[in-house]
Amino acid sequence: VQLVESGGGLVQSGGSLKLSCAASGFTFRRYGMSWYRQPPGKERELVAAISGGGGSTDYADSVKGRFTISRDNAKNTVFLQMNSLKPDDTAVYYCNARFGLIGYWGQGTQVTVSS
């Protein structure tokens, strides 16, 4: 099983980034997918989640209206489009796959937003 995040980097406040998470080794469409983040010195928190079929999404209040989660089940990939980025969005962003009690994590990708 592998979850490989990409797309992180350094961006100015107000800018945009699109994260990708490429999955392999499991039946992707059966798994709910989520993005979490861990700011420096803080606990990991849920950012956004999407159901296996993509028909249901959920967002943390802090990112509603700015971030969009989506998935392409044909390509086994989940995305996080991040717009209007703020310095408070600075964190390591992790991809998570979950099916019942089974869960997998990616290695994370750093997002840094400068003011």
Protein backbone atom coordinates (compact mmCIF):
# COMPACT_ATOMS: atom_id res chain seq x y z
CA VAL A 1 0.00 0.00 0.00
CA GLN A 2 1.26 3.44 -0.90
CA LEU A 3 -0.08 6.96 -0.60
CA VAL A 4 2.24 9.51 -2.18
CA GLU A 5 1.48 13.20 -1.71
CA SER A 6 2.82 15.90 -3.98
CA GLY A 7 2.22 19.54 -4.80
CA GLY A 8 3.33 21.20 -1.60
CA GLY A 9 5.67 24.16 -1.51
CA LEU A 10 6.13 27.79 -0.59
CA VAL A 11 3.42 30.28 -1.58
CA GLN A 12 2.56 33.84 -0.66
CA SER A 13 -0.52 34.69 1.34
CA GLY A 14 -3.54 34.78 -0.97
CA GLY A 15 -2.01 32.28 -3.36
CA SER A 16 -3.09 28.79 -4.39
CA LEU A 17 -1.71 25.28 -4.39
CA LYS A 18 -3.13 21.95 -5.51
CA LEU A 19 -2.08 18.85 -3.61
CA SER A 20 -2.31 15.37 -5.09
CA CYS A 21 -2.22 11.98 -3.44
CA ALA A 22 -1.58 8.97 -5.64
CA ALA A 23 -2.76 5.69 -4.16
CA SER A 24 -1.79 2.13 -4.93
CA GLY A 25 -2.08 -1.31 -3.40
CA PHE A 26 -5.73 -1.24 -2.40
CA THR A 27 -9.18 -0.83 -3.97
CA PHE A 28 -9.19 2.94 -4.04
CA ARG A 29 -12.88 3.49 -4.83
CA ARG A 30 -13.94 1.65 -1.67
CA TYR A 31 -12.04 3.97 0.62
CA GLY A 32 -13.01 7.30 2.02
CA MET A 33 -10.16 9.71 1.50
CA SER A 34 -9.15 12.62 3.68
CA TRP A 35 -6.57 15.33 3.96
CA TYR A 36 -5.16 16.14 7.38
CA ARG A 37 -2.59 18.72 8.37
CA GLN A 38 -0.20 19.22 11.24
CA PRO A 39 0.95 22.78 11.88
CA PRO A 40 4.29 23.28 13.64
CA GLY A 41 3.98 22.39 17.31
CA LYS A 42 0.33 21.40 17.03
CA GLU A 43 -1.71 18.24 16.69
CA ARG A 44 -2.80 16.75 13.42
CA GLU A 45 -6.24 17.96 12.32
CA LEU A 46 -8.78 16.96 9.69
CA VAL A 47 -8.97 19.38 6.78
CA ALA A 48 -11.31 17.72 4.28
CA ALA A 49 -12.86 14.35 3.51
CA ILE A 50 -14.55 12.73 0.53
CA SER A 51 -16.55 9.53 0.22
CA GLY A 52 -15.53 6.60 -1.95
CA GLY A 53 -17.76 7.61 -4.83
CA GLY A 54 -16.99 11.27 -4.43
CA GLY A 55 -20.58 12.29 -3.80
CA SER A 56 -20.09 13.45 -0.22
CA THR A 57 -17.53 15.90 1.09
CA ASP A 58 -16.84 17.56 4.41
CA TYR A 59 -14.54 20.38 5.46
CA ALA A 60 -13.10 21.90 8.58
CA ASP A 61 -14.68 25.26 9.30
CA SER A 62 -11.31 26.97 8.90
CA VAL A 63 -11.04 26.00 5.22
CA LYS A 64 -14.67 26.06 4.04
CA GLY A 65 -15.05 28.15 0.91
CA ARG A 66 -11.28 28.13 0.26
CA PHE A 67 -10.34 24.45 -0.13
CA THR A 68 -11.92 21.83 -2.38
CA ILE A 69 -11.36 18.09 -2.13
CA SER A 70 -11.95 15.88 -5.16
CA ARG A 71 -10.97 12.46 -6.42
CA ASP A 72 -10.42 10.63 -9.68
CA ASN A 73 -11.17 6.96 -9.12
CA ALA A 74 -9.93 6.06 -12.60
CA LYS A 75 -6.50 7.41 -11.64
CA ASN A 76 -6.55 6.40 -7.95
CA THR A 77 -5.83 9.97 -6.97
CA VAL A 78 -7.31 12.44 -4.51
CA PHE A 79 -6.74 16.19 -4.74
CA LEU A 80 -6.91 19.20 -2.49
CA GLN A 81 -7.27 22.54 -4.23
CA MET A 82 -6.28 25.28 -1.81
CA ASN A 83 -7.13 28.89 -2.62
CA SER A 84 -6.79 32.13 -0.67
CA LEU A 85 -4.05 30.59 1.42
CA LYS A 86 -3.18 32.15 4.76
CA PRO A 87 -0.09 31.85 6.95
CA ASP A 88 -2.20 29.79 9.37
CA ASP A 89 -2.49 27.14 6.63
CA THR A 90 1.23 26.41 7.01
CA ALA A 91 1.55 22.73 7.92
CA VAL A 92 2.55 19.30 6.75
CA TYR A 93 -0.41 17.94 4.81
CA TYR A 94 -1.15 14.22 4.95
CA CYS A 95 -3.33 12.02 2.82
CA ASN A 96 -5.41 9.36 4.58
CA ALA A 97 -7.38 6.40 3.26
CA ARG A 98 -9.98 4.71 5.44
CA PHE A 99 -12.32 1.74 5.07
CA GLY A 100 -13.89 0.70 8.34
CA LEU A 101 -11.07 0.09 10.79
CA ILE A 102 -8.44 -0.06 8.05
CA GLY A 103 -6.51 3.11 7.47
CA TYR A 104 -3.38 4.21 5.64
CA TRP A 105 -1.29 7.38 5.73
CA GLY A 106 0.99 9.09 3.29
CA GLN A 107 4.34 10.56 4.21
CA GLY A 108 3.15 14.15 4.05
CA THR A 109 3.98 17.22 2.00
CA GLN A 110 5.01 20.59 3.40
CA VAL A 111 2.94 23.66 2.66
CA THR A 112 4.37 27.00 3.75
CA VAL A 113 2.42 30.24 3.32
CA SER A 114 4.39 33.44 3.74
CA SER A 115 2.79 36.68 4.85
